[in-house]
Amino acid sequence: MMNAEESQRWWQRDDLAYRGEELFFADNSVSVLAQRFGSPAFVYSFARVRDNLERVHAALRDANLPVGYTLLYAMKANRFA
């Protein structure tokens, strides 16, 4: 079971976390991103997308599939956009 502090920050990861009182995503201040692009804005981390694709590719490669495969990537659509 998580303690109170852990449950408040369960979503944090290396590229999404508070630094002091300010939220950062992929080494960018979220407040600066909002000022620059407006709100709402959808911001993606190329490094995170690349790492996710590499993990999927590795899992498929390690599965020793009897046939080849093609990886096609799409960003999740937002029904409110």
N, C-alpha and C. Protein backbone atom coordinates (compact mmCIF):
# COMPACT_ATOMS: atom_id res chain seq x y z
N MET A 1 0.83 -1.17 0.00
CA MET A 1 0.00 0.00 0.00
C MET A 1 0.89 1.25 0.00
N MET A 2 0.48 2.25 -0.80
CA MET A 2 1.26 3.49 -0.89
C MET A 2 0.97 4.40 0.29
N ASN A 3 2.00 5.11 0.73
CA ASN A 3 1.77 6.12 1.75
C ASN A 3 1.22 7.38 1.08
N ALA A 4 0.87 8.39 1.87
CA ALA A 4 0.23 9.60 1.33
C ALA A 4 1.11 10.30 0.29
N GLU A 5 2.40 10.41 0.56
CA GLU A 5 3.30 11.09 -0.38
C GLU A 5 3.40 10.32 -1.69
N GLU A 6 3.53 9.00 -1.62
CA GLU A 6 3.62 8.19 -2.83
C GLU A 6 2.35 8.27 -3.66
N SER A 7 1.20 8.27 -3.00
CA SER A 7 -0.05 8.29 -3.75
C SER A 7 -0.28 9.63 -4.44
N GLN A 8 0.29 10.70 -3.92
CA GLN A 8 0.17 12.00 -4.56
C GLN A 8 1.07 12.12 -5.78
N ARG A 9 2.10 11.33 -5.86
CA ARG A 9 3.07 11.44 -6.95
C ARG A 9 3.22 10.13 -7.74
N TRP A 10 2.20 9.29 -7.75
CA TRP A 10 2.28 7.99 -8.42
C TRP A 10 2.56 8.13 -9.91
N TRP A 11 2.17 9.23 -10.51
CA TRP A 11 2.27 9.43 -11.95
C TRP A 11 3.63 9.96 -12.39
N GLN A 12 4.45 10.39 -11.44
CA GLN A 12 5.74 10.96 -11.81
C GLN A 12 6.67 9.90 -12.38
N ARG A 13 7.50 10.34 -13.29
CA ARG A 13 8.53 9.49 -13.90
C ARG A 13 9.69 10.41 -14.26
N ASP A 14 10.74 9.85 -14.85
CA ASP A 14 11.94 10.65 -15.13
C ASP A 14 11.65 11.89 -15.97
N ASP A 15 10.74 11.77 -16.94
CA ASP A 15 10.49 12.90 -17.83
C ASP A 15 9.23 13.70 -17.49
N LEU A 16 8.59 13.39 -16.37
CA LEU A 16 7.39 14.11 -15.94
C LEU A 16 7.38 14.18 -14.42
N ALA A 17 7.74 15.33 -13.88
CA ALA A 17 7.85 15.44 -12.42
C ALA A 17 7.94 16.90 -12.01
N TYR A 18 7.63 17.12 -10.76
CA TYR A 18 7.81 18.45 -10.19
C TYR A 18 9.27 18.67 -9.84
N ARG A 19 9.75 19.86 -10.11
CA ARG A 19 11.05 20.33 -9.64
C ARG A 19 10.73 21.52 -8.76
N GLY A 20 10.80 21.31 -7.49
CA GLY A 20 10.34 22.34 -6.56
C GLY A 20 8.83 22.46 -6.71
N GLU A 21 8.36 23.64 -7.03
CA GLU A 21 6.92 23.89 -7.17
C GLU A 21 6.48 23.89 -8.63
N GLU A 22 7.38 23.58 -9.57
CA GLU A 22 7.05 23.69 -10.99
C GLU A 22 7.07 22.32 -11.66
N LEU A 23 6.06 22.08 -12.50
CA LEU A 23 5.94 20.82 -13.23
C LEU A 23 6.76 20.88 -14.51
N PHE A 24 7.55 19.83 -14.76
CA PHE A 24 8.36 19.74 -15.96
C PHE A 24 8.01 18.48 -16.74
N PHE A 25 8.03 18.61 -18.06
CA PHE A 25 7.83 17.48 -18.96
C PHE A 25 8.94 17.50 -19.99
N ALA A 26 9.69 16.41 -20.09
CA ALA A 26 10.79 16.30 -21.04
C ALA A 26 11.73 17.50 -20.95
N ASP A 27 12.10 17.85 -19.73
CA ASP A 27 13.02 18.96 -19.44
C ASP A 27 12.48 20.33 -19.84
N ASN A 28 11.16 20.44 -19.99
CA ASN A 28 10.53 21.72 -20.31
C ASN A 28 9.53 22.07 -19.22
N SER A 29 9.52 23.32 -18.81
CA SER A 29 8.53 23.80 -17.86
C SER A 29 7.16 23.74 -18.51
N VAL A 30 6.21 23.09 -17.86
CA VAL A 30 4.87 22.99 -18.41
C VAL A 30 4.21 24.36 -18.50
N SER A 31 4.48 25.24 -17.56
CA SER A 31 3.89 26.58 -17.64
C SER A 31 4.44 27.35 -18.84
N VAL A 32 5.71 27.18 -19.16
CA VAL A 32 6.29 27.84 -20.34
C VAL A 32 5.68 27.24 -21.61
N LEU A 33 5.50 25.92 -21.64
CA LEU A 33 4.87 25.29 -22.81
C LEU A 33 3.45 25.82 -23.00
N ALA A 34 2.71 25.97 -21.91
CA ALA A 34 1.33 26.48 -21.99
C ALA A 34 1.32 27.92 -22.50
N GLN A 35 2.26 28.74 -22.05
CA GLN A 35 2.34 30.12 -22.53
C GLN A 35 2.68 30.16 -24.02
N ARG A 36 3.55 29.26 -24.44
CA ARG A 36 4.00 29.27 -25.83
C ARG A 36 2.95 28.71 -26.79
N PHE A 37 2.29 27.60 -26.40
CA PHE A 37 1.38 26.91 -27.32
C PHE A 37 -0.09 27.07 -26.97
N GLY A 38 -0.39 27.68 -25.84
CA GLY A 38 -1.78 27.81 -25.41
C GLY A 38 -2.23 26.57 -24.66
N SER A 39 -3.47 26.62 -24.23
CA SER A 39 -4.01 25.50 -23.47
C SER A 39 -5.46 25.28 -23.88
N PRO A 40 -5.87 24.07 -24.16
CA PRO A 40 -5.07 22.86 -24.01
C PRO A 40 -4.06 22.70 -25.16
N ALA A 41 -3.01 22.00 -24.88
CA ALA A 41 -2.00 21.66 -25.88
C ALA A 41 -1.58 20.22 -25.64
N PHE A 42 -1.25 19.53 -26.70
CA PHE A 42 -0.78 18.16 -26.58
C PHE A 42 0.70 18.16 -26.90
N VAL A 43 1.50 17.74 -25.93
CA VAL A 43 2.95 17.77 -26.06
C VAL A 43 3.46 16.34 -25.89
N TYR A 44 4.28 15.91 -26.82
CA TYR A 44 4.81 14.56 -26.79
C TYR A 44 6.32 14.59 -26.66
N SER A 45 6.86 13.56 -26.05
CA SER A 45 8.30 13.41 -25.91
C SER A 45 8.80 12.44 -26.97
N PHE A 46 9.63 12.94 -27.89
CA PHE A 46 10.19 12.06 -28.91
C PHE A 46 10.95 10.91 -28.27
N ALA A 47 11.71 11.20 -27.22
CA ALA A 47 12.50 10.16 -26.55
C ALA A 47 11.60 9.07 -25.98
N ARG A 48 10.47 9.45 -25.38
CA ARG A 48 9.56 8.46 -24.81
C ARG A 48 8.89 7.62 -25.90
N VAL A 49 8.48 8.26 -26.98
CA VAL A 49 7.88 7.52 -28.11
C VAL A 49 8.91 6.55 -28.67
N ARG A 50 10.13 7.02 -28.89
CA ARG A 50 11.19 6.17 -29.43
C ARG A 50 11.46 4.98 -28.50
N ASP A 51 11.56 5.24 -27.19
CA ASP A 51 11.82 4.17 -26.23
C ASP A 51 10.69 3.15 -26.22
N ASN A 52 9.44 3.61 -26.30
CA ASN A 52 8.30 2.69 -26.33
C ASN A 52 8.35 1.82 -27.58
N LEU A 53 8.64 2.43 -28.73
CA LEU A 53 8.74 1.66 -29.97
C LEU A 53 9.88 0.65 -29.91
N GLU A 54 10.99 1.03 -29.33
CA GLU A 54 12.11 0.10 -29.20
C GLU A 54 11.75 -1.08 -28.30
N ARG A 55 10.98 -0.84 -27.23
CA ARG A 55 10.55 -1.94 -26.36
C ARG A 55 9.62 -2.90 -27.08
N VAL A 56 8.68 -2.35 -27.86
CA VAL A 56 7.76 -3.20 -28.62
C VAL A 56 8.54 -4.00 -29.66
N HIS A 57 9.44 -3.33 -30.37
CA HIS A 57 10.26 -4.01 -31.37
C HIS A 57 11.08 -5.14 -30.74
N ALA A 58 11.69 -4.89 -29.59
CA ALA A 58 12.48 -5.92 -28.91
C ALA A 58 11.62 -7.10 -28.50
N ALA A 59 10.42 -6.83 -27.99
CA ALA A 59 9.53 -7.92 -27.57
C ALA A 59 9.12 -8.76 -28.77
N LEU A 60 8.81 -8.13 -29.89
CA LEU A 60 8.43 -8.88 -31.09
C LEU A 60 9.62 -9.67 -31.63
N ARG A 61 10.79 -9.06 -31.63
CA ARG A 61 11.99 -9.75 -32.09
C ARG A 61 12.29 -10.97 -31.21
N ASP A 62 12.17 -10.79 -29.89
CA ASP A 62 12.46 -11.88 -28.95
C ASP A 62 11.41 -12.98 -28.97
N ALA A 63 10.23 -12.68 -29.53
CA ALA A 63 9.16 -13.68 -29.58
C ALA A 63 9.42 -14.74 -30.64
N ASN A 64 10.44 -14.54 -31.48
CA ASN A 64 10.77 -15.50 -32.54
C ASN A 64 9.54 -15.88 -33.36
N LEU A 65 8.84 -14.88 -33.84
CA LEU A 65 7.65 -15.11 -34.64
C LEU A 65 8.00 -15.85 -35.93
N PRO A 66 7.12 -16.73 -36.39
CA PRO A 66 7.41 -17.49 -37.61
C PRO A 66 7.30 -16.63 -38.88
N VAL A 67 6.75 -15.44 -38.76
CA VAL A 67 6.62 -14.53 -39.90
C VAL A 67 7.15 -13.16 -39.49
N GLY A 68 7.40 -12.32 -40.47
CA GLY A 68 7.85 -10.97 -40.18
C GLY A 68 6.71 -10.11 -39.66
N TYR A 69 7.02 -8.90 -39.32
CA TYR A 69 6.00 -7.98 -38.81
C TYR A 69 6.35 -6.57 -39.27
N THR A 70 5.36 -5.72 -39.24
CA THR A 70 5.53 -4.30 -39.52
C THR A 70 4.95 -3.53 -38.35
N LEU A 71 5.73 -2.61 -37.82
CA LEU A 71 5.25 -1.77 -36.73
C LEU A 71 4.71 -0.47 -37.32
N LEU A 72 3.44 -0.19 -37.06
CA LEU A 72 2.83 1.07 -37.48
C LEU A 72 2.39 1.79 -36.22
N TYR A 73 2.85 3.02 -36.05
CA TYR A 73 2.60 3.76 -34.81
C TYR A 73 1.62 4.89 -35.08
N ALA A 74 0.71 5.09 -34.15
CA ALA A 74 -0.23 6.21 -34.24
C ALA A 74 -0.38 6.83 -32.86
N MET A 75 -0.55 8.13 -32.84
CA MET A 75 -0.80 8.83 -31.58
C MET A 75 -2.27 8.64 -31.23
N LYS A 76 -2.58 8.61 -29.98
CA LYS A 76 -3.96 8.46 -29.54
C LYS A 76 -4.77 9.69 -29.95
N ALA A 77 -5.91 9.45 -30.54
CA ALA A 77 -6.78 10.56 -30.94
C ALA A 77 -7.48 11.13 -29.72
N ASN A 78 -7.74 12.42 -29.74
CA ASN A 78 -8.45 13.07 -28.65
C ASN A 78 -9.84 13.45 -29.14
N ARG A 79 -10.85 12.90 -28.53
CA ARG A 79 -12.22 13.15 -28.99
C ARG A 79 -12.67 14.58 -28.72
N PHE A 80 -11.92 15.34 -27.92
CA PHE A 80 -12.31 16.71 -27.61
C PHE A 80 -11.65 17.73 -28.54
N ALA A 81 -10.74 17.29 -29.38
CA ALA A 81 -10.01 18.22 -30.26
C ALA A 81 -10.87 18.71 -31.40
